[in-house]
Amino acid sequence: MKFLELREKDVINCRTGDKLGCVLDLEFDPGSGQILCLIVPKATKVLCFAKGEFYYIPYKRIVKIGCDTVLVDIIEKECLK
């Protein structure tokens, strides 16, 4: 899968059913090249994203990548930075 395809998918938290937003960026380990986490801006009802608030979702917390969505299993407060 290409990164541009991943960016078009909605990120959904399996624990709450909430839509967190769309993938903005990825964080890599420079030594191994492995993906460490997905970076998703926190969506608000008024704006597309809140200034400076992002979910850093560890790669191991991805449950499934489907056609339209990425399902994750996270505690939102722990991933919000």
PDB file of N, CA and C in Angstrom:
ATOM      1  N   MET A   1       0.843  -1.171   0.000  1.00  0.00           N
ATOM      2  CA  MET A   1       0.000   0.000   0.000  1.00  0.00           C
ATOM      3  C   MET A   1       0.891   1.237   0.000  1.00  0.00           C
ATOM      4  N   LYS A   2       0.513   2.214  -0.772  1.00  0.00           N
ATOM      5  CA  LYS A   2       1.240   3.480  -0.819  1.00  0.00           C
ATOM      6  C   LYS A   2       0.742   4.404   0.288  1.00  0.00           C
ATOM      7  N   PHE A   3       1.631   5.303   0.704  1.00  0.00           N
ATOM      8  CA  PHE A   3       1.281   6.242   1.770  1.00  0.00           C
ATOM      9  C   PHE A   3       0.086   7.110   1.373  1.00  0.00           C
ATOM     10  N   LEU A   4       0.020   7.518   0.122  1.00  0.00           N
ATOM     11  CA  LEU A   4      -1.098   8.357  -0.336  1.00  0.00           C
ATOM     12  C   LEU A   4      -2.431   7.625  -0.197  1.00  0.00           C
ATOM     13  N   GLU A   5      -2.446   6.304  -0.364  1.00  0.00           N
ATOM     14  CA  GLU A   5      -3.666   5.523  -0.164  1.00  0.00           C
ATOM     15  C   GLU A   5      -4.035   5.474   1.317  1.00  0.00           C
ATOM     16  N   LEU A   6      -3.033   5.359   2.173  1.00  0.00           N
ATOM     17  CA  LEU A   6      -3.267   5.319   3.616  1.00  0.00           C
ATOM     18  C   LEU A   6      -3.840   6.645   4.118  1.00  0.00           C
ATOM     19  N   ARG A   7      -3.385   7.754   3.543  1.00  0.00           N
ATOM     20  CA  ARG A   7      -3.856   9.076   3.972  1.00  0.00           C
ATOM     21  C   ARG A   7      -5.333   9.303   3.694  1.00  0.00           C
ATOM     22  N   GLU A   8      -5.916   8.561   2.777  1.00  0.00           N
ATOM     23  CA  GLU A   8      -7.333   8.732   2.424  1.00  0.00           C
ATOM     24  C   GLU A   8      -8.265   7.963   3.350  1.00  0.00           C
ATOM     25  N   LYS A   9      -7.721   7.166   4.238  1.00  0.00           N
ATOM     26  CA  LYS A   9      -8.538   6.312   5.105  1.00  0.00           C
ATOM     27  C   LYS A   9      -8.847   6.991   6.441  1.00  0.00           C
ATOM     28  N   ASP A  10     -10.071   6.781   6.917  1.00  0.00           N
ATOM     29  CA  ASP A  10     -10.466   7.267   8.239  1.00  0.00           C
ATOM     30  C   ASP A  10      -9.881   6.345   9.302  1.00  0.00           C
ATOM     31  N   VAL A  11      -9.424   6.930  10.407  1.00  0.00           N
ATOM     32  CA  VAL A  11      -8.911   6.150  11.530  1.00  0.00           C
ATOM     33  C   VAL A  11     -10.009   6.070  12.584  1.00  0.00           C
ATOM     34  N   ILE A  12     -10.411   4.852  12.923  1.00  0.00           N
ATOM     35  CA  ILE A  12     -11.503   4.609  13.864  1.00  0.00           C
ATOM     36  C   ILE A  12     -10.959   3.858  15.080  1.00  0.00           C
ATOM     37  N   ASN A  13     -11.331   4.338  16.269  1.00  0.00           N
ATOM     38  CA  ASN A  13     -10.948   3.665  17.508  1.00  0.00           C
ATOM     39  C   ASN A  13     -11.963   2.563  17.808  1.00  0.00           C
ATOM     40  N   CYS A  14     -11.513   1.311  17.849  1.00  0.00           N
ATOM     41  CA  CYS A  14     -12.401   0.169  18.118  1.00  0.00           C
ATOM     42  C   CYS A  14     -13.022   0.220  19.513  1.00  0.00           C
ATOM     43  N   ARG A  15     -12.303   0.795  20.467  1.00  0.00           N
ATOM     44  CA  ARG A  15     -12.806   0.847  21.851  1.00  0.00           C
ATOM     45  C   ARG A  15     -14.047   1.714  21.980  1.00  0.00           C
ATOM     46  N   THR A  16     -14.070   2.835  21.264  1.00  0.00           N
ATOM     47  CA  THR A  16     -15.162   3.800  21.425  1.00  0.00           C
ATOM     48  C   THR A  16     -16.031   3.941  20.187  1.00  0.00           C
ATOM     49  N   GLY A  17     -15.526   3.525  19.032  1.00  0.00           N
ATOM     50  CA  GLY A  17     -16.245   3.715  17.780  1.00  0.00           C
ATOM     51  C   GLY A  17     -16.079   5.113  17.210  1.00  0.00           C
ATOM     52  N   ASP A  18     -15.244   5.941  17.852  1.00  0.00           N
ATOM     53  CA  ASP A  18     -15.046   7.321  17.415  1.00  0.00           C
ATOM     54  C   ASP A  18     -14.114   7.402  16.212  1.00  0.00           C
ATOM     55  N   LYS A  19     -14.441   8.324  15.315  1.00  0.00           N
ATOM     56  CA  LYS A  19     -13.537   8.631  14.209  1.00  0.00           C
ATOM     57  C   LYS A  19     -12.497   9.612  14.741  1.00  0.00           C
ATOM     58  N   LEU A  20     -11.220   9.233  14.654  1.00  0.00           N
ATOM     59  CA  LEU A  20     -10.154  10.077  15.171  1.00  0.00           C
ATOM     60  C   LEU A  20      -9.688  11.094  14.140  1.00  0.00           C
ATOM     61  N   GLY A  21      -9.810  10.772  12.884  1.00  0.00           N
ATOM     62  CA  GLY A  21      -9.357  11.644  11.806  1.00  0.00           C
ATOM     63  C   GLY A  21      -8.733  10.814  10.702  1.00  0.00           C
ATOM     64  N   CYS A  22      -7.875  11.431   9.914  1.00  0.00           N
ATOM     65  CA  CYS A  22      -7.171  10.750   8.827  1.00  0.00           C
ATOM     66  C   CYS A  22      -5.672  10.800   9.097  1.00  0.00           C
ATOM     67  N   VAL A  23      -4.957   9.836   8.556  1.00  0.00           N
ATOM     68  CA  VAL A  23      -3.507   9.766   8.748  1.00  0.00           C
ATOM     69  C   VAL A  23      -2.857  10.985   8.107  1.00  0.00           C
ATOM     70  N   LEU A  24      -2.058  11.703   8.876  1.00  0.00           N
ATOM     71  CA  LEU A  24      -1.331  12.862   8.374  1.00  0.00           C
ATOM     72  C   LEU A  24       0.099  12.481   8.003  1.00  0.00           C
ATOM     73  N   ASP A  25       0.720  11.636   8.848  1.00  0.00           N
ATOM     74  CA  ASP A  25       2.121  11.303   8.644  1.00  0.00           C
ATOM     75  C   ASP A  25       2.429   9.989   9.351  1.00  0.00           C
ATOM     76  N   LEU A  26       3.623   9.485   9.100  1.00  0.00           N
ATOM     77  CA  LEU A  26       4.115   8.276   9.752  1.00  0.00           C
ATOM     78  C   LEU A  26       5.424   8.607  10.450  1.00  0.00           C
ATOM     79  N   GLU A  27       5.717   7.893  11.531  1.00  0.00           N
ATOM     80  CA  GLU A  27       7.014   8.028  12.203  1.00  0.00           C
ATOM     81  C   GLU A  27       7.774   6.717  12.001  1.00  0.00           C
ATOM     82  N   PHE A  28       9.009   6.821  11.510  1.00  0.00           N
ATOM     83  CA  PHE A  28       9.842   5.661  11.207  1.00  0.00           C
ATOM     84  C   PHE A  28      11.005   5.553  12.170  1.00  0.00           C
ATOM     85  N   ASP A  29      11.511   4.328  12.346  1.00  0.00           N
ATOM     86  CA  ASP A  29      12.773   4.092  13.023  1.00  0.00           C
ATOM     87  C   ASP A  29      13.855   4.262  11.957  1.00  0.00           C
ATOM     88  N   PRO A  30      14.746   5.242  12.108  1.00  0.00           N
ATOM     89  CA  PRO A  30      15.738   5.495  11.062  1.00  0.00           C
ATOM     90  C   PRO A  30      16.714   4.336  10.856  1.00  0.00           C
ATOM     91  N   GLY A  31      16.941   3.534  11.873  1.00  0.00           N
ATOM     92  CA  GLY A  31      17.870   2.421  11.745  1.00  0.00           C
ATOM     93  C   GLY A  31      17.301   1.244  10.972  1.00  0.00           C
ATOM     94  N   SER A  32      16.066   0.871  11.307  1.00  0.00           N
ATOM     95  CA  SER A  32      15.458  -0.310  10.691  1.00  0.00           C
ATOM     96  C   SER A  32      14.512   0.021   9.541  1.00  0.00           C
ATOM     97  N   GLY A  33      14.014   1.260   9.522  1.00  0.00           N
ATOM     98  CA  GLY A  33      13.039   1.641   8.491  1.00  0.00           C
ATOM     99  C   GLY A  33      11.630   1.192   8.813  1.00  0.00           C
ATOM    100  N   GLN A  34      11.408   0.619  10.002  1.00  0.00           N
ATOM    101  CA  GLN A  34      10.076   0.159  10.391  1.00  0.00           C
ATOM    102  C   GLN A  34       9.200   1.337  10.807  1.00  0.00           C
ATOM    103  N   ILE A  35       7.904   1.193  10.548  1.00  0.00           N
ATOM    104  CA  ILE A  35       6.936   2.207  10.975  1.00  0.00           C
ATOM    105  C   ILE A  35       6.740   2.083  12.477  1.00  0.00           C
ATOM    106  N   LEU A  36       6.911   3.193  13.204  1.00  0.00           N
ATOM    107  CA  LEU A  36       6.701   3.201  14.651  1.00  0.00           C
ATOM    108  C   LEU A  36       5.279   3.595  15.007  1.00  0.00           C
ATOM    109  N   CYS A  37       4.752   4.628  14.337  1.00  0.00           N
ATOM    110  CA  CYS A  37       3.402   5.074  14.666  1.00  0.00           C
ATOM    111  C   CYS A  37       2.777   5.862  13.526  1.00  0.00           C
ATOM    112  N   LEU A  38       1.447   5.936  13.589  1.00  0.00           N
ATOM    113  CA  LEU A  38       0.673   6.796  12.701  1.00  0.00           C
ATOM    114  C   LEU A  38       0.461   8.114  13.418  1.00  0.00           C
ATOM    115  N   ILE A  39       0.523   9.205  12.698  1.00  0.00           N
ATOM    116  CA  ILE A  39       0.259  10.518  13.281  1.00  0.00           C
ATOM    117  C   ILE A  39      -1.052  11.028  12.678  1.00  0.00           C
ATOM    118  N   VAL A  40      -2.025  11.262  13.567  1.00  0.00           N
ATOM    119  CA  VAL A  40      -3.372  11.663  13.158  1.00  0.00           C
ATOM    120  C   VAL A  40      -3.742  12.938  13.900  1.00  0.00           C
ATOM    121  N   PRO A  41      -4.059  14.035  13.174  1.00  0.00           N
ATOM    122  CA  PRO A  41      -4.483  15.249  13.867  1.00  0.00           C
ATOM    123  C   PRO A  41      -5.835  15.035  14.555  1.00  0.00           C
ATOM    124  N   LYS A  42      -5.960  15.583  15.754  1.00  0.00           N
ATOM    125  CA  LYS A  42      -7.226  15.461  16.492  1.00  0.00           C
ATOM    126  C   LYS A  42      -8.280  16.319  15.804  1.00  0.00           C
ATOM    127  N   ALA A  43      -9.346  15.677  15.376  1.00  0.00           N
ATOM    128  CA  ALA A  43     -10.434  16.381  14.694  1.00  0.00           C
ATOM    129  C   ALA A  43     -11.351  17.048  15.717  1.00  0.00           C
ATOM    130  N   THR A  44     -11.869  18.208  15.347  1.00  0.00           N
ATOM    131  CA  THR A  44     -12.874  18.889  16.157  1.00  0.00           C
ATOM    132  C   THR A  44     -14.087  19.138  15.278  1.00  0.00           C
ATOM    133  N   LYS A  45     -15.208  19.486  15.879  1.00  0.00           N
ATOM    134  CA  LYS A  45     -16.423  19.718  15.099  1.00  0.00           C
ATOM    135  C   LYS A  45     -16.375  21.039  14.338  1.00  0.00           C
ATOM    136  N   VAL A  46     -15.607  22.002  14.841  1.00  0.00           N
ATOM    137  CA  VAL A  46     -15.560  23.316  14.215  1.00  0.00           C
ATOM    138  C   VAL A  46     -14.471  23.383  13.155  1.00  0.00           C
ATOM    139  N   LEU A  47     -13.287  22.899  13.493  1.00  0.00           N
ATOM    140  CA  LEU A  47     -12.148  22.960  12.585  1.00  0.00           C
ATOM    141  C   LEU A  47     -11.772  21.569  12.121  1.00  0.00           C
ATOM    142  N   CYS A  48     -10.993  21.489  11.072  1.00  0.00           N
ATOM    143  CA  CYS A  48     -10.523  20.189  10.580  1.00  0.00           C
ATOM    144  C   CYS A  48      -9.640  19.513  11.614  1.00  0.00           C
ATOM    145  N   PHE A  49      -8.809  20.290  12.283  1.00  0.00           N
ATOM    146  CA  PHE A  49      -7.986  19.731  13.357  1.00  0.00           C
ATOM    147  C   PHE A  49      -7.636  20.840  14.333  1.00  0.00           C
ATOM    148  N   ALA A  50      -7.428  20.431  15.569  1.00  0.00           N
ATOM    149  CA  ALA A  50      -7.076  21.393  16.610  1.00  0.00           C
ATOM    150  C   ALA A  50      -5.579  21.684  16.522  1.00  0.00           C
ATOM    151  N   LYS A  51      -5.213  22.908  16.739  1.00  0.00           N
ATOM    152  CA  LYS A  51      -3.813  23.312  16.615  1.00  0.00           C
ATOM    153  C   LYS A  51      -2.951  22.585  17.634  1.00  0.00           C
ATOM    154  N   GLY A  52      -1.958  21.872  17.122  1.00  0.00           N
ATOM    155  CA  GLY A  52      -0.969  21.256  17.987  1.00  0.00           C
ATOM    156  C   GLY A  52      -1.372  19.958  18.658  1.00  0.00           C
ATOM    157  N   GLU A  53      -2.572  19.450  18.438  1.00  0.00           N
ATOM    158  CA  GLU A  53      -2.987  18.203  19.076  1.00  0.00           C
ATOM    159  C   GLU A  53      -3.010  17.079  18.043  1.00  0.00           C
ATOM    160  N   PHE A  54      -2.230  16.041  18.327  1.00  0.00           N
ATOM    161  CA  PHE A  54      -2.122  14.916  17.421  1.00  0.00           C
ATOM    162  C   PHE A  54      -2.177  13.622  18.200  1.00  0.00           C
ATOM    163  N   TYR A  55      -2.755  12.594  17.584  1.00  0.00           N
ATOM    164  CA  TYR A  55      -2.685  11.242  18.118  1.00  0.00           C
ATOM    165  C   TYR A  55      -1.440  10.592  17.531  1.00  0.00           C
ATOM    166  N   TYR A  56      -0.590  10.032  18.382  1.00  0.00           N
ATOM    167  CA  TYR A  56       0.555   9.231  17.962  1.00  0.00           C
ATOM    168  C   TYR A  56       0.173   7.783  18.269  1.00  0.00           C
ATOM    169  N   ILE A  57      -0.255   7.076  17.249  1.00  0.00           N
ATOM    170  CA  ILE A  57      -0.809   5.733  17.416  1.00  0.00           C
ATOM    171  C   ILE A  57       0.263   4.699  17.092  1.00  0.00           C
ATOM    172  N   PRO A  58       0.718   3.934  18.104  1.00  0.00           N
ATOM    173  CA  PRO A  58       1.745   2.917  17.849  1.00  0.00           C
ATOM    174  C   PRO A  58       1.281   1.917  16.793  1.00  0.00           C
ATOM    175  N   TYR A  59       2.213   1.524  15.940  1.00  0.00           N
ATOM    176  CA  TYR A  59       1.898   0.604  14.848  1.00  0.00           C
ATOM    177  C   TYR A  59       1.290  -0.699  15.370  1.00  0.00           C
ATOM    178  N   LYS A  60       1.757  -1.164  16.524  1.00  0.00           N
ATOM    179  CA  LYS A  60       1.248  -2.424  17.088  1.00  0.00           C
ATOM    180  C   LYS A  60      -0.210  -2.312  17.536  1.00  0.00           C
ATOM    181  N   ARG A  61      -0.754  -1.084  17.621  1.00  0.00           N
ATOM    182  CA  ARG A  61      -2.145  -0.885  18.045  1.00  0.00           C
ATOM    183  C   ARG A  61      -3.115  -0.861  16.866  1.00  0.00           C
ATOM    184  N   ILE A  62      -2.598  -1.040  15.639  1.00  0.00           N
ATOM    185  CA  ILE A  62      -3.463  -1.142  14.464  1.00  0.00           C
ATOM    186  C   ILE A  62      -4.079  -2.526  14.456  1.00  0.00           C
ATOM    187  N   VAL A  63      -5.411  -2.578  14.408  1.00  0.00           N
ATOM    188  CA  VAL A  63      -6.130  -3.851  14.400  1.00  0.00           C
ATOM    189  C   VAL A  63      -6.273  -4.351  12.963  1.00  0.00           C
ATOM    190  N   LYS A  64      -6.686  -3.460  12.063  1.00  0.00           N
ATOM    191  CA  LYS A  64      -6.923  -3.854  10.676  1.00  0.00           C
ATOM    192  C   LYS A  64      -6.910  -2.624   9.787  1.00  0.00           C
ATOM    193  N   ILE A  65      -6.365  -2.798   8.599  1.00  0.00           N
ATOM    194  CA  ILE A  65      -6.428  -1.763   7.573  1.00  0.00           C
ATOM    195  C   ILE A  65      -7.362  -2.273   6.498  1.00  0.00           C
ATOM    196  N   GLY A  66      -8.506  -1.600   6.356  1.00  0.00           N
ATOM    197  CA  GLY A  66      -9.508  -2.013   5.383  1.00  0.00           C
ATOM    198  C   GLY A  66      -9.512  -1.120   4.162  1.00  0.00           C
ATOM    199  N   CYS A  67     -10.548  -1.270   3.340  1.00  0.00           N
ATOM    200  CA  CYS A  67     -10.670  -0.487   2.107  1.00  0.00           C
ATOM    201  C   CYS A  67     -10.805   1.004   2.383  1.00  0.00           C
ATOM    202  N   ASP A  68     -11.596   1.370   3.398  1.00  0.00           N
ATOM    203  CA  ASP A  68     -11.884   2.777   3.679  1.00  0.00           C
ATOM    204  C   ASP A  68     -11.409   3.248   5.037  1.00  0.00           C
ATOM    205  N   THR A  69     -11.067   2.305   5.920  1.00  0.00           N
ATOM    206  CA  THR A  69     -10.746   2.685   7.296  1.00  0.00           C
ATOM    207  C   THR A  69      -9.515   1.952   7.823  1.00  0.00           C
ATOM    208  N   VAL A  70      -8.939   2.560   8.863  1.00  0.00           N
ATOM    209  CA  VAL A  70      -7.891   1.928   9.651  1.00  0.00           C
ATOM    210  C   VAL A  70      -8.465   1.778  11.055  1.00  0.00           C
ATOM    211  N   LEU A  71      -8.597   0.544  11.531  1.00  0.00           N
ATOM    212  CA  LEU A  71      -9.124   0.305  12.865  1.00  0.00           C
ATOM    213  C   LEU A  71      -7.971   0.201  13.843  1.00  0.00           C
ATOM    214  N   VAL A  72      -8.061   0.952  14.940  1.00  0.00           N
ATOM    215  CA  VAL A  72      -7.032   0.940  15.973  1.00  0.00           C
ATOM    216  C   VAL A  72      -7.673   0.666  17.327  1.00  0.00           C
ATOM    217  N   ASP A  73      -6.893   0.150  18.236  1.00  0.00           N
ATOM    218  CA  ASP A  73      -7.364  -0.134  19.593  1.00  0.00           C
ATOM    219  C   ASP A  73      -6.473   0.649  20.550  1.00  0.00           C
ATOM    220  N   ILE A  74      -6.923   1.852  20.933  1.00  0.00           N
ATOM    221  CA  ILE A  74      -6.108   2.727  21.772  1.00  0.00           C
ATOM    222  C   ILE A  74      -6.942   3.336  22.895  1.00  0.00           C
ATOM    223  N   ILE A  75      -6.243   3.795  23.912  1.00  0.00           N
ATOM    224  CA  ILE A  75      -6.817   4.677  24.919  1.00  0.00           C
ATOM    225  C   ILE A  75      -6.408   6.080  24.468  1.00  0.00           C
ATOM    226  N   GLU A  76      -7.368   6.857  24.045  1.00  0.00           N
ATOM    227  CA  GLU A  76      -7.092   8.133  23.370  1.00  0.00           C
ATOM    228  C   GLU A  76      -6.224   9.068  24.191  1.00  0.00           C
ATOM    229  N   LYS A  77      -6.449   9.157  25.482  1.00  0.00           N
ATOM    230  CA  LYS A  77      -5.669  10.077  26.334  1.00  0.00           C
ATOM    231  C   LYS A  77      -4.180   9.729  26.324  1.00  0.00           C
ATOM    232  N   GLU A  78      -3.866   8.430  26.211  1.00  0.00           N
ATOM    233  CA  GLU A  78      -2.473   7.993  26.215  1.00  0.00           C
ATOM    234  C   GLU A  78      -1.750   8.321  24.911  1.00  0.00           C
ATOM    235  N   CYS A  79      -2.484   8.431  23.820  1.00  0.00           N
ATOM    236  CA  CYS A  79      -1.872   8.662  22.501  1.00  0.00           C
ATOM    237  C   CYS A  79      -1.919  10.129  22.078  1.00  0.00           C
ATOM    238  N   LEU A  80      -2.639  10.969  22.803  1.00  0.00           N
ATOM    239  CA  LEU A  80      -2.785  12.375  22.429  1.00  0.00           C
ATOM    240  C   LEU A  80      -1.603  13.193  22.949  1.00  0.00           C
ATOM    241  N   LYS A  81      -0.955  13.910  22.043  1.00  0.00           N
ATOM    242  CA  LYS A  81       0.189  14.743  22.421  1.00  0.00           C
ATOM    243  C   LYS A  81       0.074  16.091  21.762  1.00  0.00           C
TER     244      LYS A  81
END
